[in-house]
Amino acid sequence: MVVISMSLNFKKISSAFKGEAGQSTLEYALVLLILLALVMALAALYRFSSEGRLSELIFQSLSHVVQVKEGLGGIQDILLY
């Protein structure tokens, strides 16, 4: 009789772990990891912009930076854009 009751308890325990029992815990863990990644990305962006490197990168990547070369060169560049 002891063997039968132990096997019945094992079936109850194993059936408790089937299904969606740990799904909410996993979802909370994933949401917290995503939130942590977002906070770290925003902190890196803030640090990058506070040092002035973000504005330098933006100005370097502009296709039409106004540079007065020979008087009307910059104005001509703006008008032809």
N, C-alpha and C. Protein backbone atom coordinates (compact mmCIF):
# COMPACT_ATOMS: atom_id res chain seq x y z
N MET A 1 0.79 -1.19 0.00
CA MET A 1 0.00 0.00 0.00
C MET A 1 0.85 1.27 0.00
N VAL A 2 1.97 1.23 0.61
CA VAL A 2 2.83 2.39 0.65
C VAL A 2 3.33 2.72 -0.74
N VAL A 3 3.64 1.74 -1.53
CA VAL A 3 4.14 1.95 -2.89
C VAL A 3 3.05 2.58 -3.75
N ILE A 4 1.82 2.15 -3.59
CA ILE A 4 0.73 2.70 -4.38
C ILE A 4 0.50 4.17 -4.04
N SER A 5 0.53 4.52 -2.76
CA SER A 5 0.29 5.91 -2.39
C SER A 5 1.43 6.81 -2.85
N MET A 6 2.66 6.32 -2.85
CA MET A 6 3.77 7.13 -3.34
C MET A 6 3.66 7.36 -4.83
N SER A 7 3.21 6.37 -5.57
CA SER A 7 3.06 6.55 -7.02
C SER A 7 1.91 7.51 -7.32
N LEU A 8 0.88 7.51 -6.54
CA LEU A 8 -0.22 8.44 -6.74
C LEU A 8 0.22 9.87 -6.45
N ASN A 9 1.03 10.06 -5.40
CA ASN A 9 1.52 11.40 -5.08
C ASN A 9 2.46 11.91 -6.18
N PHE A 10 3.26 11.03 -6.74
CA PHE A 10 4.16 11.43 -7.82
C PHE A 10 3.36 11.87 -9.04
N LYS A 11 2.26 11.21 -9.32
CA LYS A 11 1.42 11.60 -10.46
C LYS A 11 0.79 12.97 -10.21
N LYS A 12 0.41 13.24 -8.97
CA LYS A 12 -0.18 14.55 -8.66
C LYS A 12 0.87 15.65 -8.82
N ILE A 13 2.08 15.37 -8.36
CA ILE A 13 3.15 16.37 -8.45
C ILE A 13 3.52 16.60 -9.91
N SER A 14 3.67 15.54 -10.68
CA SER A 14 4.07 15.71 -12.08
C SER A 14 2.97 16.38 -12.90
N SER A 15 1.71 16.15 -12.55
CA SER A 15 0.64 16.81 -13.28
C SER A 15 0.57 18.30 -12.94
N ALA A 16 1.07 18.69 -11.77
CA ALA A 16 1.06 20.10 -11.39
C ALA A 16 2.05 20.91 -12.22
N PHE A 17 3.12 20.29 -12.68
CA PHE A 17 4.12 21.00 -13.46
C PHE A 17 3.81 21.04 -14.95
N LYS A 18 2.81 20.34 -15.36
CA LYS A 18 2.41 20.37 -16.77
C LYS A 18 1.49 21.55 -17.00
N GLY A 19 1.46 22.03 -18.20
CA GLY A 19 0.54 23.11 -18.54
C GLY A 19 1.18 24.48 -18.41
N GLU A 20 0.44 25.41 -17.83
CA GLU A 20 0.84 26.81 -17.80
C GLU A 20 1.21 27.28 -16.40
N ALA A 21 1.69 26.39 -15.56
CA ALA A 21 1.96 26.75 -14.17
C ALA A 21 3.09 27.77 -14.04
N GLY A 22 4.16 27.65 -14.80
CA GLY A 22 5.28 28.56 -14.68
C GLY A 22 5.34 29.63 -15.75
N GLN A 23 4.29 29.72 -16.53
CA GLN A 23 4.30 30.66 -17.65
C GLN A 23 4.34 32.11 -17.18
N SER A 24 3.60 32.46 -16.16
CA SER A 24 3.58 33.86 -15.70
C SER A 24 4.93 34.27 -15.12
N THR A 25 5.59 33.35 -14.43
CA THR A 25 6.92 33.65 -13.90
C THR A 25 7.90 33.92 -15.03
N LEU A 26 7.83 33.11 -16.06
CA LEU A 26 8.70 33.30 -17.21
C LEU A 26 8.38 34.61 -17.93
N GLU A 27 7.11 34.94 -18.04
CA GLU A 27 6.73 36.20 -18.69
C GLU A 27 7.23 37.40 -17.89
N TYR A 28 7.13 37.35 -16.56
CA TYR A 28 7.64 38.44 -15.73
C TYR A 28 9.16 38.56 -15.90
N ALA A 29 9.86 37.44 -15.96
CA ALA A 29 11.31 37.47 -16.13
C ALA A 29 11.67 38.09 -17.48
N LEU A 30 10.96 37.74 -18.53
CA LEU A 30 11.24 38.30 -19.85
C LEU A 30 10.95 39.80 -19.90
N VAL A 31 9.85 40.20 -19.28
CA VAL A 31 9.50 41.63 -19.26
C VAL A 31 10.55 42.42 -18.49
N LEU A 32 11.02 41.87 -17.38
CA LEU A 32 12.05 42.57 -16.60
C LEU A 32 13.36 42.66 -17.37
N LEU A 33 13.72 41.60 -18.10
CA LEU A 33 14.94 41.65 -18.91
C LEU A 33 14.83 42.69 -20.03
N ILE A 34 13.68 42.76 -20.66
CA ILE A 34 13.47 43.75 -21.73
C ILE A 34 13.49 45.16 -21.14
N LEU A 35 12.88 45.35 -19.99
CA LEU A 35 12.90 46.66 -19.33
C LEU A 35 14.32 47.06 -18.96
N LEU A 36 15.10 46.12 -18.46
CA LEU A 36 16.49 46.40 -18.13
C LEU A 36 17.29 46.77 -19.37
N ALA A 37 17.05 46.08 -20.47
CA ALA A 37 17.75 46.40 -21.72
C ALA A 37 17.38 47.80 -22.21
N LEU A 38 16.11 48.18 -22.09
CA LEU A 38 15.68 49.52 -22.49
C LEU A 38 16.31 50.60 -21.63
N VAL A 39 16.37 50.37 -20.33
CA VAL A 39 16.97 51.35 -19.43
C VAL A 39 18.45 51.50 -19.74
N MET A 40 19.13 50.40 -20.01
CA MET A 40 20.55 50.46 -20.33
C MET A 40 20.78 51.18 -21.66
N ALA A 41 19.91 50.95 -22.64
CA ALA A 41 20.04 51.62 -23.94
C ALA A 41 19.80 53.12 -23.80
N LEU A 42 18.81 53.50 -23.01
CA LEU A 42 18.55 54.93 -22.79
C LEU A 42 19.69 55.59 -22.02
N ALA A 43 20.28 54.87 -21.07
CA ALA A 43 21.42 55.42 -20.33
C ALA A 43 22.62 55.60 -21.26
N ALA A 44 22.84 54.65 -22.14
CA ALA A 44 23.95 54.77 -23.09
C ALA A 44 23.71 55.92 -24.06
N LEU A 45 22.48 56.09 -24.51
CA LEU A 45 22.16 57.19 -25.40
C LEU A 45 22.32 58.53 -24.70
N TYR A 46 21.91 58.62 -23.45
CA TYR A 46 22.08 59.85 -22.67
C TYR A 46 23.56 60.19 -22.49
N ARG A 47 24.35 59.18 -22.17
CA ARG A 47 25.78 59.41 -21.98
C ARG A 47 26.45 59.83 -23.29
N PHE A 48 26.05 59.20 -24.38
CA PHE A 48 26.60 59.51 -25.69
C PHE A 48 26.24 60.93 -26.10
N SER A 49 25.01 61.35 -25.80
CA SER A 49 24.59 62.70 -26.19
C SER A 49 25.12 63.77 -25.24
N SER A 50 25.33 63.45 -23.98
CA SER A 50 25.82 64.45 -23.04
C SER A 50 27.29 64.79 -23.30
N GLU A 51 28.01 63.87 -23.91
CA GLU A 51 29.42 64.15 -24.24
C GLU A 51 29.55 64.92 -25.54
N GLY A 52 28.46 65.12 -26.25
CA GLY A 52 28.49 65.87 -27.49
C GLY A 52 28.81 65.03 -28.72
N ARG A 53 29.00 63.76 -28.53
CA ARG A 53 29.35 62.91 -29.67
C ARG A 53 28.16 62.63 -30.57
N LEU A 54 26.96 62.69 -30.01
CA LEU A 54 25.77 62.44 -30.83
C LEU A 54 25.57 63.56 -31.84
N SER A 55 25.72 64.81 -31.41
CA SER A 55 25.55 65.92 -32.34
C SER A 55 26.65 65.91 -33.40
N GLU A 56 27.87 65.54 -33.02
CA GLU A 56 28.94 65.44 -34.01
C GLU A 56 28.62 64.37 -35.05
N LEU A 57 28.09 63.26 -34.60
CA LEU A 57 27.73 62.18 -35.51
C LEU A 57 26.61 62.59 -36.44
N ILE A 58 25.65 63.35 -35.92
CA ILE A 58 24.54 63.83 -36.75
C ILE A 58 25.04 64.80 -37.80
N PHE A 59 25.90 65.72 -37.41
CA PHE A 59 26.43 66.69 -38.38
C PHE A 59 27.31 66.03 -39.43
N GLN A 60 28.03 64.99 -39.06
CA GLN A 60 28.87 64.30 -40.02
C GLN A 60 28.04 63.51 -41.03
N SER A 61 26.89 63.04 -40.60
CA SER A 61 26.09 62.21 -41.49
C SER A 61 25.12 63.00 -42.36
N LEU A 62 25.02 64.31 -42.14
CA LEU A 62 24.15 65.13 -42.98
C LEU A 62 24.69 65.18 -44.41
N SER A 63 23.80 65.04 -45.34
CA SER A 63 24.25 65.06 -46.73
C SER A 63 24.47 66.48 -47.24
N HIS A 64 23.81 67.46 -46.65
CA HIS A 64 23.94 68.84 -47.10
C HIS A 64 24.25 69.75 -45.92
N VAL A 65 25.51 69.76 -45.55
CA VAL A 65 25.96 70.67 -44.50
C VAL A 65 26.35 71.98 -45.18
N VAL A 66 25.84 73.07 -44.66
CA VAL A 66 26.11 74.37 -45.28
C VAL A 66 27.56 74.75 -44.99
N GLN A 67 28.34 74.80 -46.02
CA GLN A 67 29.73 75.23 -45.91
C GLN A 67 29.96 76.29 -46.98
N VAL A 68 30.29 77.47 -46.55
CA VAL A 68 30.52 78.56 -47.49
C VAL A 68 31.94 78.40 -48.03
N LYS A 69 32.03 77.97 -49.28
CA LYS A 69 33.33 77.74 -49.90
C LYS A 69 33.75 78.95 -50.71
N GLU A 70 32.92 79.33 -51.63
CA GLU A 70 33.27 80.44 -52.52
C GLU A 70 32.13 81.44 -52.57
N GLY A 71 31.72 81.90 -51.45
CA GLY A 71 30.68 82.91 -51.42
C GLY A 71 29.28 82.32 -51.48
N LEU A 72 28.80 81.99 -52.68
CA LEU A 72 27.43 81.51 -52.84
C LEU A 72 27.34 79.97 -52.90
N GLY A 73 28.40 79.29 -52.58
CA GLY A 73 28.38 77.83 -52.64
C GLY A 73 27.36 77.19 -51.72
N GLY A 74 27.28 77.70 -50.48
CA GLY A 74 26.33 77.14 -49.52
C GLY A 74 24.90 77.46 -49.89
N ILE A 75 24.64 78.67 -50.35
CA ILE A 75 23.29 79.06 -50.75
C ILE A 75 22.85 78.28 -51.98
N GLN A 76 23.76 78.09 -52.92
CA GLN A 76 23.45 77.30 -54.11
C GLN A 76 23.15 75.85 -53.72
N ASP A 77 23.87 75.35 -52.78
CA ASP A 77 23.64 73.97 -52.30
C ASP A 77 22.26 73.85 -51.69
N ILE A 78 21.85 74.85 -50.89
CA ILE A 78 20.52 74.82 -50.27
C ILE A 78 19.42 74.94 -51.33
N LEU A 79 19.59 75.83 -52.29
CA LEU A 79 18.58 76.04 -53.31
C LEU A 79 18.45 74.84 -54.25
N LEU A 80 19.52 74.16 -54.52
CA LEU A 80 19.47 73.00 -55.39
C LEU A 80 19.01 71.74 -54.67
N TYR A 81 18.95 71.79 -53.38
CA TYR A 81 18.51 70.62 -52.60
C TYR A 81 17.03 70.46 -52.78
